[in-house]
Amino acid sequence: MALRFIGIDPNTGDDECPTVWYDDEADEIVVQGWKAGNELRARCLETGSIPDSEDVVRLPVRMVPILRKACNAAEGAHVR
């Protein structure tokens, strides 16, 4: 199967579309979100570095049910 669409922000507009997928081949939850601004990045850097291969993204809290669904999909893949 590979990349399975889990859900999109229910309040999505034309240019804002945070989305969540589950990749069952890589065994990863994949997230598209809004880029973190400099202030948020700076606050995140207080806890540790952000490698060049990683980034900080933001998701609205209304997407919690979609994230739970992605977590359930990931956990279910290991139950087989």
PDB file of N, CA and C in Angstrom:
ATOM      1  N   MET A   1       0.835  -1.195   0.000  1.00  0.00           N
ATOM      2  CA  MET A   1       0.000   0.000   0.000  1.00  0.00           C
ATOM      3  C   MET A   1       0.873   1.249   0.000  1.00  0.00           C
ATOM      4  N   ALA A   2       1.765   1.399   0.917  1.00  0.00           N
ATOM      5  CA  ALA A   2       2.659   2.559   1.052  1.00  0.00           C
ATOM      6  C   ALA A   2       1.998   3.747   1.741  1.00  0.00           C
ATOM      7  N   LEU A   3       1.765   4.826   1.016  1.00  0.00           N
ATOM      8  CA  LEU A   3       1.270   6.053   1.633  1.00  0.00           C
ATOM      9  C   LEU A   3      -0.257   6.060   1.663  1.00  0.00           C
ATOM     10  N   ARG A   4      -0.817   6.103   2.878  1.00  0.00           N
ATOM     11  CA  ARG A   4      -2.275   6.089   3.036  1.00  0.00           C
ATOM     12  C   ARG A   4      -2.745   7.427   3.595  1.00  0.00           C
ATOM     13  N   PHE A   5      -3.622   8.094   2.878  1.00  0.00           N
ATOM     14  CA  PHE A   5      -4.193   9.358   3.330  1.00  0.00           C
ATOM     15  C   PHE A   5      -5.027   9.094   4.572  1.00  0.00           C
ATOM     16  N   ILE A   6      -4.797   9.893   5.631  1.00  0.00           N
ATOM     17  CA  ILE A   6      -5.554   9.755   6.869  1.00  0.00           C
ATOM     18  C   ILE A   6      -6.585  10.865   6.984  1.00  0.00           C
ATOM     19  N   GLY A   7      -6.176  12.113   6.758  1.00  0.00           N
ATOM     20  CA  GLY A   7      -7.137  13.195   6.858  1.00  0.00           C
ATOM     21  C   GLY A   7      -6.515  14.545   6.596  1.00  0.00           C
ATOM     22  N   ILE A   8      -7.393  15.499   6.359  1.00  0.00           N
ATOM     23  CA  ILE A   8      -6.985  16.876   6.081  1.00  0.00           C
ATOM     24  C   ILE A   8      -7.705  17.787   7.071  1.00  0.00           C
ATOM     25  N   ASP A   9      -7.122  18.909   7.369  1.00  0.00           N
ATOM     26  CA  ASP A   9      -7.722  19.888   8.275  1.00  0.00           C
ATOM     27  C   ASP A   9      -9.171  20.126   7.858  1.00  0.00           C
ATOM     28  N   PRO A  10     -10.133  19.895   8.757  1.00  0.00           N
ATOM     29  CA  PRO A  10     -11.531  20.056   8.382  1.00  0.00           C
ATOM     30  C   PRO A  10     -11.911  21.495   8.022  1.00  0.00           C
ATOM     31  N   ASN A  11     -11.107  22.455   8.423  1.00  0.00           N
ATOM     32  CA  ASN A  11     -11.383  23.861   8.093  1.00  0.00           C
ATOM     33  C   ASN A  11     -10.467  24.358   6.981  1.00  0.00           C
ATOM     34  N   THR A  12      -9.980  23.454   6.172  1.00  0.00           N
ATOM     35  CA  THR A  12      -9.014  23.819   5.152  1.00  0.00           C
ATOM     36  C   THR A  12      -9.609  24.807   4.139  1.00  0.00           C
ATOM     37  N   GLY A  13      -8.762  25.707   3.702  1.00  0.00           N
ATOM     38  CA  GLY A  13      -9.144  26.672   2.668  1.00  0.00           C
ATOM     39  C   GLY A  13      -8.389  26.349   1.401  1.00  0.00           C
ATOM     40  N   ASP A  14      -8.343  27.302   0.505  1.00  0.00           N
ATOM     41  CA  ASP A  14      -7.657  27.075  -0.760  1.00  0.00           C
ATOM     42  C   ASP A  14      -6.137  27.003  -0.614  1.00  0.00           C
ATOM     43  N   ASP A  15      -5.583  27.737   0.356  1.00  0.00           N
ATOM     44  CA  ASP A  15      -4.122  27.778   0.461  1.00  0.00           C
ATOM     45  C   ASP A  15      -3.598  27.285   1.805  1.00  0.00           C
ATOM     46  N   GLU A  16      -4.443  26.730   2.629  1.00  0.00           N
ATOM     47  CA  GLU A  16      -3.997  26.165   3.913  1.00  0.00           C
ATOM     48  C   GLU A  16      -4.566  24.766   4.015  1.00  0.00           C
ATOM     49  N   CYS A  17      -3.697  23.782   3.980  1.00  0.00           N
ATOM     50  CA  CYS A  17      -4.227  22.425   3.990  1.00  0.00           C
ATOM     51  C   CYS A  17      -3.334  21.470   4.775  1.00  0.00           C
ATOM     52  N   PRO A  18      -3.196  21.654   6.104  1.00  0.00           N
ATOM     53  CA  PRO A  18      -2.473  20.645   6.873  1.00  0.00           C
ATOM     54  C   PRO A  18      -3.104  19.272   6.633  1.00  0.00           C
ATOM     55  N   THR A  19      -2.260  18.284   6.431  1.00  0.00           N
ATOM     56  CA  THR A  19      -2.701  16.944   6.057  1.00  0.00           C
ATOM     57  C   THR A  19      -1.866  15.912   6.788  1.00  0.00           C
ATOM     58  N   VAL A  20      -2.454  14.732   7.032  1.00  0.00           N
ATOM     59  CA  VAL A  20      -1.755  13.639   7.698  1.00  0.00           C
ATOM     60  C   VAL A  20      -1.912  12.375   6.858  1.00  0.00           C
ATOM     61  N   TRP A  21      -0.809  11.627   6.713  1.00  0.00           N
ATOM     62  CA  TRP A  21      -0.784  10.338   6.027  1.00  0.00           C
ATOM     63  C   TRP A  21      -0.096   9.323   6.933  1.00  0.00           C
ATOM     64  N   TYR A  22      -0.277   8.049   6.625  1.00  0.00           N
ATOM     65  CA  TYR A  22       0.495   6.983   7.260  1.00  0.00           C
ATOM     66  C   TYR A  22       1.193   6.207   6.158  1.00  0.00           C
ATOM     67  N   ASP A  23       2.509   6.075   6.253  1.00  0.00           N
ATOM     68  CA  ASP A  23       3.309   5.325   5.288  1.00  0.00           C
ATOM     69  C   ASP A  23       3.610   3.963   5.896  1.00  0.00           C
ATOM     70  N   ASP A  24       2.914   2.930   5.424  1.00  0.00           N
ATOM     71  CA  ASP A  24       3.093   1.628   6.047  1.00  0.00           C
ATOM     72  C   ASP A  24       4.364   0.915   5.598  1.00  0.00           C
ATOM     73  N   GLU A  25       4.989   1.342   4.518  1.00  0.00           N
ATOM     74  CA  GLU A  25       6.270   0.755   4.112  1.00  0.00           C
ATOM     75  C   GLU A  25       7.406   1.316   4.958  1.00  0.00           C
ATOM     76  N   ALA A  26       7.401   2.623   5.176  1.00  0.00           N
ATOM     77  CA  ALA A  26       8.444   3.255   5.995  1.00  0.00           C
ATOM     78  C   ALA A  26       8.084   3.212   7.477  1.00  0.00           C
ATOM     79  N   ASP A  27       6.831   2.845   7.775  1.00  0.00           N
ATOM     80  CA  ASP A  27       6.316   2.818   9.145  1.00  0.00           C
ATOM     81  C   ASP A  27       6.468   4.197   9.797  1.00  0.00           C
ATOM     82  N   GLU A  28       5.899   5.205   9.123  1.00  0.00           N
ATOM     83  CA  GLU A  28       5.999   6.591   9.578  1.00  0.00           C
ATOM     84  C   GLU A  28       4.661   7.305   9.414  1.00  0.00           C
ATOM     85  N   ILE A  29       4.400   8.240  10.318  1.00  0.00           N
ATOM     86  CA  ILE A  29       3.288   9.167  10.170  1.00  0.00           C
ATOM     87  C   ILE A  29       3.859  10.394   9.465  1.00  0.00           C
ATOM     88  N   VAL A  30       3.236  10.801   8.383  1.00  0.00           N
ATOM     89  CA  VAL A  30       3.717  11.913   7.561  1.00  0.00           C
ATOM     90  C   VAL A  30       2.768  13.087   7.758  1.00  0.00           C
ATOM     91  N   VAL A  31       3.337  14.260   8.035  1.00  0.00           N
ATOM     92  CA  VAL A  31       2.530  15.434   8.363  1.00  0.00           C
ATOM     93  C   VAL A  31       2.908  16.605   7.470  1.00  0.00           C
ATOM     94  N   GLN A  32       1.906  17.244   6.904  1.00  0.00           N
ATOM     95  CA  GLN A  32       2.097  18.517   6.208  1.00  0.00           C
ATOM     96  C   GLN A  32       1.427  19.562   7.076  1.00  0.00           C
ATOM     97  N   GLY A  33       2.164  20.593   7.430  1.00  0.00           N
ATOM     98  CA  GLY A  33       1.602  21.646   8.267  1.00  0.00           C
ATOM     99  C   GLY A  33       2.142  22.999   7.864  1.00  0.00           C
ATOM    100  N   TRP A  34       1.733  23.984   8.627  1.00  0.00           N
ATOM    101  CA  TRP A  34       2.220  25.336   8.369  1.00  0.00           C
ATOM    102  C   TRP A  34       3.654  25.457   8.867  1.00  0.00           C
ATOM    103  N   LYS A  35       4.468  26.201   8.160  1.00  0.00           N
ATOM    104  CA  LYS A  35       5.848  26.442   8.592  1.00  0.00           C
ATOM    105  C   LYS A  35       5.834  27.216   9.900  1.00  0.00           C
ATOM    106  N   ALA A  36       6.740  26.846  10.770  1.00  0.00           N
ATOM    107  CA  ALA A  36       6.888  27.577  12.023  1.00  0.00           C
ATOM    108  C   ALA A  36       7.598  28.898  11.736  1.00  0.00           C
ATOM    109  N   GLY A  37       7.144  29.942  12.377  1.00  0.00           N
ATOM    110  CA  GLY A  37       7.803  31.233  12.249  1.00  0.00           C
ATOM    111  C   GLY A  37       9.080  31.282  13.078  1.00  0.00           C
ATOM    112  N   ASN A  38       9.838  32.335  12.917  1.00  0.00           N
ATOM    113  CA  ASN A  38      11.118  32.461  13.624  1.00  0.00           C
ATOM    114  C   ASN A  38      10.959  32.420  15.135  1.00  0.00           C
ATOM    115  N   GLU A  39       9.902  33.047  15.649  1.00  0.00           N
ATOM    116  CA  GLU A  39       9.704  33.064  17.101  1.00  0.00           C
ATOM    117  C   GLU A  39       9.456  31.655  17.638  1.00  0.00           C
ATOM    118  N   LEU A  40       8.597  30.886  16.980  1.00  0.00           N
ATOM    119  CA  LEU A  40       8.323  29.519  17.420  1.00  0.00           C
ATOM    120  C   LEU A  40       9.557  28.648  17.285  1.00  0.00           C
ATOM    121  N   ARG A  41      10.267  28.785  16.160  1.00  0.00           N
ATOM    122  CA  ARG A  41      11.520  28.024  15.993  1.00  0.00           C
ATOM    123  C   ARG A  41      12.504  28.333  17.107  1.00  0.00           C
ATOM    124  N   ALA A  42      12.627  29.601  17.465  1.00  0.00           N
ATOM    125  CA  ALA A  42      13.548  29.996  18.537  1.00  0.00           C
ATOM    126  C   ALA A  42      13.146  29.342  19.850  1.00  0.00           C
ATOM    127  N   ARG A  43      11.851  29.304  20.134  1.00  0.00           N
ATOM    128  CA  ARG A  43      11.383  28.663  21.376  1.00  0.00           C
ATOM    129  C   ARG A  43      11.658  27.165  21.349  1.00  0.00           C
ATOM    130  N   CYS A  44      11.474  26.540  20.203  1.00  0.00           N
ATOM    131  CA  CYS A  44      11.762  25.108  20.073  1.00  0.00           C
ATOM    132  C   CYS A  44      13.261  24.831  20.242  1.00  0.00           C
ATOM    133  N   LEU A  45      14.089  25.745  19.755  1.00  0.00           N
ATOM    134  CA  LEU A  45      15.543  25.574  19.871  1.00  0.00           C
ATOM    135  C   LEU A  45      16.017  25.647  21.319  1.00  0.00           C
ATOM    136  N   GLU A  46      15.188  26.162  22.212  1.00  0.00           N
ATOM    137  CA  GLU A  46      15.549  26.190  23.637  1.00  0.00           C
ATOM    138  C   GLU A  46      15.655  24.771  24.197  1.00  0.00           C
ATOM    139  N   THR A  47      14.985  23.816  23.556  1.00  0.00           N
ATOM    140  CA  THR A  47      15.013  22.427  24.029  1.00  0.00           C
ATOM    141  C   THR A  47      16.115  21.620  23.375  1.00  0.00           C
ATOM    142  N   GLY A  48      16.618  22.056  22.244  1.00  0.00           N
ATOM    143  CA  GLY A  48      17.659  21.333  21.525  1.00  0.00           C
ATOM    144  C   GLY A  48      17.730  21.815  20.089  1.00  0.00           C
ATOM    145  N   SER A  49      18.712  21.302  19.374  1.00  0.00           N
ATOM    146  CA  SER A  49      18.921  21.752  17.992  1.00  0.00           C
ATOM    147  C   SER A  49      17.882  21.131  17.051  1.00  0.00           C
ATOM    148  N   ILE A  50      17.742  21.729  15.891  1.00  0.00           N
ATOM    149  CA  ILE A  50      16.894  21.207  14.821  1.00  0.00           C
ATOM    150  C   ILE A  50      17.832  20.907  13.659  1.00  0.00           C
ATOM    151  N   PRO A  51      18.098  19.628  13.397  1.00  0.00           N
ATOM    152  CA  PRO A  51      19.013  19.281  12.306  1.00  0.00           C
ATOM    153  C   PRO A  51      18.506  19.802  10.969  1.00  0.00           C
ATOM    154  N   ASP A  52      19.414  19.982  10.020  1.00  0.00           N
ATOM    155  CA  ASP A  52      19.041  20.463   8.687  1.00  0.00           C
ATOM    156  C   ASP A  52      18.035  19.535   8.011  1.00  0.00           C
ATOM    157  N   SER A  53      18.034  18.256   8.386  1.00  0.00           N
ATOM    158  CA  SER A  53      17.121  17.289   7.761  1.00  0.00           C
ATOM    159  C   SER A  53      15.730  17.296   8.403  1.00  0.00           C
ATOM    160  N   GLU A  54      15.508  18.157   9.405  1.00  0.00           N
ATOM    161  CA  GLU A  54      14.226  18.227  10.104  1.00  0.00           C
ATOM    162  C   GLU A  54      13.718  19.664  10.122  1.00  0.00           C
ATOM    163  N   ASP A  55      12.450  19.826  10.495  1.00  0.00           N
ATOM    164  CA  ASP A  55      11.889  21.167  10.613  1.00  0.00           C
ATOM    165  C   ASP A  55      10.735  21.139  11.606  1.00  0.00           C
ATOM    166  N   VAL A  56      10.261  22.285  11.980  1.00  0.00           N
ATOM    167  CA  VAL A  56       9.132  22.421  12.889  1.00  0.00           C
ATOM    168  C   VAL A  56       7.932  22.847  12.055  1.00  0.00           C
ATOM    169  N   VAL A  57       6.827  22.116  12.201  1.00  0.00           N
ATOM    170  CA  VAL A  57       5.581  22.494  11.530  1.00  0.00           C
ATOM    171  C   VAL A  57       4.494  22.630  12.582  1.00  0.00           C
ATOM    172  N   ARG A  58       3.454  23.376  12.243  1.00  0.00           N
ATOM    173  CA  ARG A  58       2.343  23.605  13.166  1.00  0.00           C
ATOM    174  C   ARG A  58       1.086  22.964  12.590  1.00  0.00           C
ATOM    175  N   LEU A  59       0.285  22.385  13.474  1.00  0.00           N
ATOM    176  CA  LEU A  59      -1.020  21.842  13.097  1.00  0.00           C
ATOM    177  C   LEU A  59      -2.058  22.408  14.052  1.00  0.00           C
ATOM    178  N   PRO A  60      -3.254  22.700  13.562  1.00  0.00           N
ATOM    179  CA  PRO A  60      -4.286  23.193  14.472  1.00  0.00           C
ATOM    180  C   PRO A  60      -4.786  22.061  15.370  1.00  0.00           C
ATOM    181  N   VAL A  61      -5.152  22.401  16.583  1.00  0.00           N
ATOM    182  CA  VAL A  61      -5.613  21.414  17.555  1.00  0.00           C
ATOM    183  C   VAL A  61      -6.871  20.689  17.074  1.00  0.00           C
ATOM    184  N   ARG A  62      -7.615  21.296  16.169  1.00  0.00           N
ATOM    185  CA  ARG A  62      -8.813  20.629  15.640  1.00  0.00           C
ATOM    186  C   ARG A  62      -8.453  19.366  14.859  1.00  0.00           C
ATOM    187  N   MET A  63      -7.159  19.168  14.565  1.00  0.00           N
ATOM    188  CA  MET A  63      -6.724  17.976  13.844  1.00  0.00           C
ATOM    189  C   MET A  63      -6.366  16.820  14.776  1.00  0.00           C
ATOM    190  N   VAL A  64      -6.553  16.980  16.073  1.00  0.00           N
ATOM    191  CA  VAL A  64      -6.242  15.907  17.028  1.00  0.00           C
ATOM    192  C   VAL A  64      -6.934  14.594  16.639  1.00  0.00           C
ATOM    193  N   PRO A  65      -8.229  14.601  16.275  1.00  0.00           N
ATOM    194  CA  PRO A  65      -8.857  13.338  15.879  1.00  0.00           C
ATOM    195  C   PRO A  65      -8.171  12.684  14.667  1.00  0.00           C
ATOM    196  N   ILE A  66      -7.676  13.502  13.750  1.00  0.00           N
ATOM    197  CA  ILE A  66      -6.983  12.967  12.579  1.00  0.00           C
ATOM    198  C   ILE A  66      -5.636  12.386  12.991  1.00  0.00           C
ATOM    199  N   LEU A  67      -4.930  13.053  13.899  1.00  0.00           N
ATOM    200  CA  LEU A  67      -3.661  12.521  14.388  1.00  0.00           C
ATOM    201  C   LEU A  67      -3.870  11.219  15.147  1.00  0.00           C
ATOM    202  N   ARG A  68      -4.958  11.133  15.939  1.00  0.00           N
ATOM    203  CA  ARG A  68      -5.277   9.882  16.636  1.00  0.00           C
ATOM    204  C   ARG A  68      -5.522   8.761  15.633  1.00  0.00           C
ATOM    205  N   LYS A  69      -6.223   9.088  14.555  1.00  0.00           N
ATOM    206  CA  LYS A  69      -6.505   8.099  13.523  1.00  0.00           C
ATOM    207  C   LYS A  69      -5.197   7.600  12.899  1.00  0.00           C
ATOM    208  N   ALA A  70      -4.251   8.512  12.678  1.00  0.00           N
ATOM    209  CA  ALA A  70      -2.937   8.120  12.135  1.00  0.00           C
ATOM    210  C   ALA A  70      -2.176   7.242  13.131  1.00  0.00           C
ATOM    211  N   CYS A  71      -2.239   7.606  14.404  1.00  0.00           N
ATOM    212  CA  CYS A  71      -1.570   6.790  15.429  1.00  0.00           C
ATOM    213  C   CYS A  71      -2.203   5.404  15.498  1.00  0.00           C
ATOM    214  N   ASN A  72      -3.532   5.333  15.411  1.00  0.00           N
ATOM    215  CA  ASN A  72      -4.213   4.039  15.415  1.00  0.00           C
ATOM    216  C   ASN A  72      -3.822   3.198  14.202  1.00  0.00           C
ATOM    217  N   ALA A  73      -3.675   3.839  13.055  1.00  0.00           N
ATOM    218  CA  ALA A  73      -3.254   3.124  11.847  1.00  0.00           C
ATOM    219  C   ALA A  73      -1.843   2.563  12.036  1.00  0.00           C
ATOM    220  N   ALA A  74      -0.968   3.370  12.617  1.00  0.00           N
ATOM    221  CA  ALA A  74       0.403   2.920  12.844  1.00  0.00           C
ATOM    222  C   ALA A  74       0.452   1.770  13.838  1.00  0.00           C
ATOM    223  N   GLU A  75      -0.309   1.886  14.932  1.00  0.00           N
ATOM    224  CA  GLU A  75      -0.337   0.820  15.928  1.00  0.00           C
ATOM    225  C   GLU A  75      -0.969  -0.452  15.347  1.00  0.00           C
ATOM    226  N   GLY A  76      -2.024  -0.276  14.563  1.00  0.00           N
ATOM    227  CA  GLY A  76      -2.692  -1.423  13.954  1.00  0.00           C
ATOM    228  C   GLY A  76      -1.793  -2.193  13.020  1.00  0.00           C
ATOM    229  N   ALA A  77      -0.860  -1.509  12.379  1.00  0.00           N
ATOM    230  CA  ALA A  77       0.065  -2.158  11.467  1.00  0.00           C
ATOM    231  C   ALA A  77       0.971  -3.141  12.211  1.00  0.00           C
ATOM    232  N   HIS A  78       1.179  -2.895  13.498  1.00  0.00           N
ATOM    233  CA  HIS A  78       2.071  -3.759  14.289  1.00  0.00           C
ATOM    234  C   HIS A  78       1.318  -4.882  14.975  1.00  0.00           C
ATOM    235  N   VAL A  79      -0.002  -4.852  14.919  1.00  0.00           N
ATOM    236  CA  VAL A  79      -0.811  -5.866  15.602  1.00  0.00           C
ATOM    237  C   VAL A  79      -0.968  -7.105  14.735  1.00  0.00           C
ATOM    238  N   ARG A  80      -0.840  -6.946  13.434  1.00  0.00           N
ATOM    239  CA  ARG A  80      -1.082  -8.053  12.496  1.00  0.00           C
ATOM    240  C   ARG A  80      -0.418  -9.302  12.886  1.00  0.00           C
TER     241      ARG A  80
END
